[in-house]
Amino acid sequence: MRAYYRDLSATDLTLPHDTGRTVLEERFRVLKLKFWTVKGTDVECEKQFRAIGEDLGFVDGTRKEVVSDFAKLDPKSAEEQAKFFAQDVLVLNDVISFIKEGKCYYDFKDPETNDYIRILMRPGRACFAPEGTIVQRYPYAETKDRLCIYDVYKTAEPLVGQASLVPSHGQDLRSDPVRVTYLKDIGVA
C-alpha cells in the first residue's frame, strides 16, 4: 500500500492528485493510523475483520454499512454526496473501516502540516483511525457503480441516534475537544 501527500488542487478529487511525496509507515505510527489487508471469501474476510476489531477492543453492534450506488443516484443526490465527501469530517469514536466493494481514497489530515495523506483503499483493505482524526473520503474515479464500506466504531453504546462523524460544514475543527485530545495524545498540541 502506498501513501502520499495529496496536492492542493481542488479539481476532481476522485483522481490521484499525487505530489510524489511518499508518507512513511513511521508517520502512520505517530498519527496512530493502522492498516490491514484481509483476503479470502466473504465469510473469511468477515471473520478476519471481526478478529481485528476484537483485538482492538471493539464490540459487536457498532457497525454501520455505508453504501453508495453511484449508478442509481439522481443528479441532486450525487451533488449532495459530492459536497459531503468534499469537506473535513471529524471522527468522534475510534473507527475501523473495511472496504467490501469498490475503491475510494481515504485522506487523513496531517495535524503538523495540514496537508492530506492520501491512501487508495480497495476491497479487502481495512484501516483504523483514532477518535479526533480528520478525514475525507472520495470515491475512486473508476468506481462507477457501487462503493460499500463497513465502519465499526469503538463505543460502549449502540450507535442508534449517536453521531460517529461530524462534518465540518466549513468550520475549523481544530478547537473541537475531541480533536484537541487527539492532538495532545500524539504530541502536537
Protein backbone atom coordinates (compact mmCIF):
# COMPACT_ATOMS: atom_id res chain seq x y z
CA MET A 1 0.00 0.00 0.00
CA ARG A 2 1.37 3.37 -1.00
CA ALA A 3 0.55 6.60 0.82
CA TYR A 4 1.45 10.10 -0.28
CA TYR A 5 0.63 13.73 0.37
CA ARG A 6 -2.24 14.90 -1.84
CA ASP A 7 -1.68 18.01 -3.94
CA LEU A 8 -3.62 21.18 -3.15
CA SER A 9 -5.72 21.19 -6.30
CA ALA A 10 -9.44 21.01 -5.60
CA THR A 11 -10.38 19.80 -9.07
CA ASP A 12 -11.90 16.32 -9.29
CA LEU A 13 -10.64 14.71 -6.10
CA THR A 14 -11.68 11.29 -7.42
CA LEU A 15 -8.34 11.37 -9.30
CA PRO A 16 -4.95 10.57 -7.68
CA HIS A 17 -3.57 14.13 -7.07
CA ASP A 18 -0.18 12.59 -6.27
CA THR A 19 2.56 15.04 -5.23
CA GLY A 20 5.21 12.34 -5.34
CA ARG A 21 5.88 12.94 -1.61
CA THR A 22 5.60 9.46 -0.09
CA VAL A 23 4.43 9.05 3.50
CA LEU A 24 6.45 6.54 5.51
CA GLU A 25 5.00 3.99 7.93
CA GLU A 26 6.61 5.81 10.85
CA ARG A 27 4.29 8.75 10.19
CA PHE A 28 1.29 6.41 10.50
CA ARG A 29 2.57 5.21 13.88
CA VAL A 30 2.87 8.81 15.10
CA LEU A 31 -0.68 9.58 13.90
CA LYS A 32 -1.90 6.22 15.34
CA LEU A 33 -3.27 5.07 11.97
CA LYS A 34 -3.19 1.31 11.22
CA PHE A 35 -3.85 -0.68 8.05
CA TRP A 36 -4.53 -4.32 7.15
CA THR A 37 -5.22 -6.38 4.06
CA VAL A 38 -7.85 -9.08 4.52
CA LYS A 39 -8.07 -11.92 1.97
CA GLY A 40 -10.39 -14.82 1.32
CA THR A 41 -14.07 -15.47 0.77
CA ASP A 42 -16.67 -13.05 2.11
CA VAL A 43 -17.10 -15.25 5.19
CA GLU A 44 -13.32 -15.47 5.78
CA CYS A 45 -12.92 -11.71 5.33
CA GLU A 46 -15.76 -11.04 7.75
CA LYS A 47 -14.13 -13.35 10.31
CA GLN A 48 -10.72 -11.64 9.92
CA PHE A 49 -12.30 -8.19 10.11
CA ARG A 50 -14.16 -9.17 13.29
CA ALA A 51 -10.88 -10.50 14.80
CA ILE A 52 -9.10 -7.20 14.06
CA GLY A 53 -11.90 -5.37 15.87
CA GLU A 54 -11.83 -7.73 18.85
CA ASP A 55 -8.02 -7.36 19.15
CA LEU A 56 -8.50 -3.58 19.39
CA GLY A 57 -11.33 -3.85 21.95
CA PHE A 58 -14.25 -3.20 19.60
CA VAL A 59 -17.61 -4.84 20.31
CA ASP A 60 -20.43 -6.07 18.08
CA GLY A 61 -23.38 -3.82 17.41
CA THR A 62 -21.41 -0.75 16.44
CA ARG A 63 -21.13 -1.38 12.70
CA LYS A 64 -22.55 0.88 10.04
CA GLU A 65 -22.66 -0.06 6.40
CA VAL A 66 -22.00 2.88 4.07
CA VAL A 67 -23.26 2.16 0.56
CA SER A 68 -23.13 4.49 -2.40
CA ASP A 69 -24.87 3.26 -5.55
CA PHE A 70 -23.49 5.87 -7.94
CA ALA A 71 -25.34 4.47 -10.95
CA LYS A 72 -28.67 4.93 -9.15
CA LEU A 73 -28.14 8.48 -7.83
CA ASP A 74 -30.15 11.29 -9.35
CA PRO A 75 -28.10 14.45 -10.14
CA LYS A 76 -29.23 16.31 -6.98
CA SER A 77 -28.33 13.40 -4.67
CA ALA A 78 -24.99 12.96 -6.45
CA GLU A 79 -24.22 16.67 -5.92
CA GLU A 80 -25.15 16.47 -2.21
CA GLN A 81 -22.98 13.40 -1.76
CA ALA A 82 -20.06 15.10 -3.53
CA LYS A 83 -20.40 18.09 -1.17
CA PHE A 84 -20.35 15.79 1.86
CA PHE A 85 -17.23 13.99 0.62
CA ALA A 86 -15.52 17.33 -0.12
CA GLN A 87 -15.42 18.50 3.49
CA ASP A 88 -13.41 17.60 6.55
CA VAL A 89 -15.10 15.08 8.85
CA LEU A 90 -14.08 14.67 12.49
CA VAL A 91 -14.05 11.08 13.80
CA LEU A 92 -15.80 11.05 17.21
CA ASN A 93 -15.08 7.39 18.11
CA ASP A 94 -12.19 5.13 17.18
CA VAL A 95 -13.18 3.52 13.88
CA ILE A 96 -12.11 0.61 11.70
CA SER A 97 -13.22 0.88 8.07
CA PHE A 98 -13.28 -2.15 5.78
CA ILE A 99 -13.77 -1.83 2.03
CA LYS A 100 -16.14 -4.53 0.79
CA GLU A 101 -16.86 -3.22 -2.74
CA GLY A 102 -15.39 -0.51 -4.94
CA LYS A 103 -12.39 1.72 -4.32
CA CYS A 104 -12.03 5.04 -2.59
CA TYR A 105 -9.39 7.45 -1.40
CA TYR A 106 -9.00 7.99 2.32
CA ASP A 107 -7.40 11.34 3.04
CA PHE A 108 -6.16 11.95 6.59
CA LYS A 109 -5.31 15.50 7.63
CA ASP A 110 -1.76 15.64 8.97
CA PRO A 111 -2.04 17.89 12.04
CA GLU A 112 1.52 19.21 11.75
CA THR A 113 1.32 20.33 8.12
CA ASN A 114 -2.45 20.48 7.45
CA ASP A 115 -1.70 18.52 4.26
CA TYR A 116 -3.75 15.45 3.42
CA ILE A 117 -2.21 11.99 3.42
CA ARG A 118 -3.89 10.00 0.64
CA ILE A 119 -4.31 6.22 0.53
CA LEU A 120 -6.19 4.25 -2.10
CA MET A 121 -8.41 1.76 -0.31
CA ARG A 122 -9.66 -1.23 -2.29
CA PRO A 123 -11.68 -4.35 -1.45
CA GLY A 124 -10.08 -6.30 1.38
CA ARG A 125 -8.30 -3.33 2.94
CA ALA A 126 -9.08 -2.11 6.42
CA CYS A 127 -7.85 0.92 8.33
CA PHE A 128 -8.05 2.14 11.91
CA ALA A 129 -8.42 5.86 12.67
CA PRO A 130 -8.47 7.08 16.26
CA GLU A 131 -11.09 9.50 17.53
CA GLY A 132 -10.05 13.06 16.80
CA THR A 133 -8.74 12.23 13.32
CA ILE A 134 -9.93 14.45 10.48
CA VAL A 135 -10.67 12.55 7.27
CA GLN A 136 -12.12 12.94 3.82
CA ARG A 137 -13.28 10.04 1.64
CA TYR A 138 -13.56 10.26 -2.13
CA PRO A 139 -14.77 7.55 -4.49
CA TYR A 140 -12.03 6.42 -6.87
CA ALA A 141 -12.62 7.79 -10.38
CA GLU A 142 -13.13 4.31 -11.82
CA THR A 143 -15.70 3.30 -9.16
CA LYS A 144 -18.69 3.80 -11.42
CA ASP A 145 -21.41 1.78 -9.76
CA ARG A 146 -21.12 0.89 -6.10
CA LEU A 147 -18.98 1.56 -3.05
CA CYS A 148 -19.60 -0.44 0.12
CA ILE A 149 -17.70 0.28 3.34
CA TYR A 150 -18.18 -1.24 6.78
CA ASP A 151 -17.36 1.19 9.59
CA VAL A 152 -17.07 -0.26 13.10
CA TYR A 153 -16.89 2.21 15.98
CA LYS A 154 -15.38 1.75 19.42
CA THR A 155 -18.16 2.78 21.75
CA ALA A 156 -19.89 1.14 24.67
CA GLU A 157 -23.28 2.36 23.45
CA PRO A 158 -25.23 1.27 20.37
CA LEU A 159 -24.88 3.73 17.51
CA VAL A 160 -28.62 4.29 17.20
CA GLY A 161 -29.10 8.04 17.38
CA GLN A 162 -25.43 8.62 18.24
CA ALA A 163 -23.20 10.70 15.98
CA SER A 164 -19.97 8.97 14.96
CA LEU A 165 -18.68 11.55 12.49
CA VAL A 166 -19.04 15.33 12.47
CA PRO A 167 -18.90 17.11 9.10
CA SER A 168 -17.18 20.49 9.29
CA HIS A 169 -19.76 22.47 7.29
CA GLY A 170 -16.88 24.86 6.57
CA GLN A 171 -15.97 25.32 10.25
CA ASP A 172 -12.48 24.87 11.69
CA LEU A 173 -12.44 21.58 13.62
CA ARG A 174 -9.06 22.14 15.33
CA SER A 175 -10.64 23.51 18.51
CA ASP A 176 -13.17 20.69 18.92
CA PRO A 177 -12.47 18.95 22.29
CA VAL A 178 -12.19 15.53 20.60
CA ARG A 179 -9.59 16.91 18.16
CA VAL A 180 -7.69 18.73 20.93
CA THR A 181 -7.44 15.49 22.95
CA TYR A 182 -6.13 13.61 19.89
CA LEU A 183 -3.53 16.33 19.17
CA LYS A 184 -2.29 16.16 22.78
CA ASP A 185 -2.18 12.37 22.61
CA ILE A 186 0.13 12.44 19.56
CA GLY A 187 2.23 15.29 20.97
CA VAL A 188 1.16 18.07 18.59
CA ALA A 189 -0.82 20.37 20.94
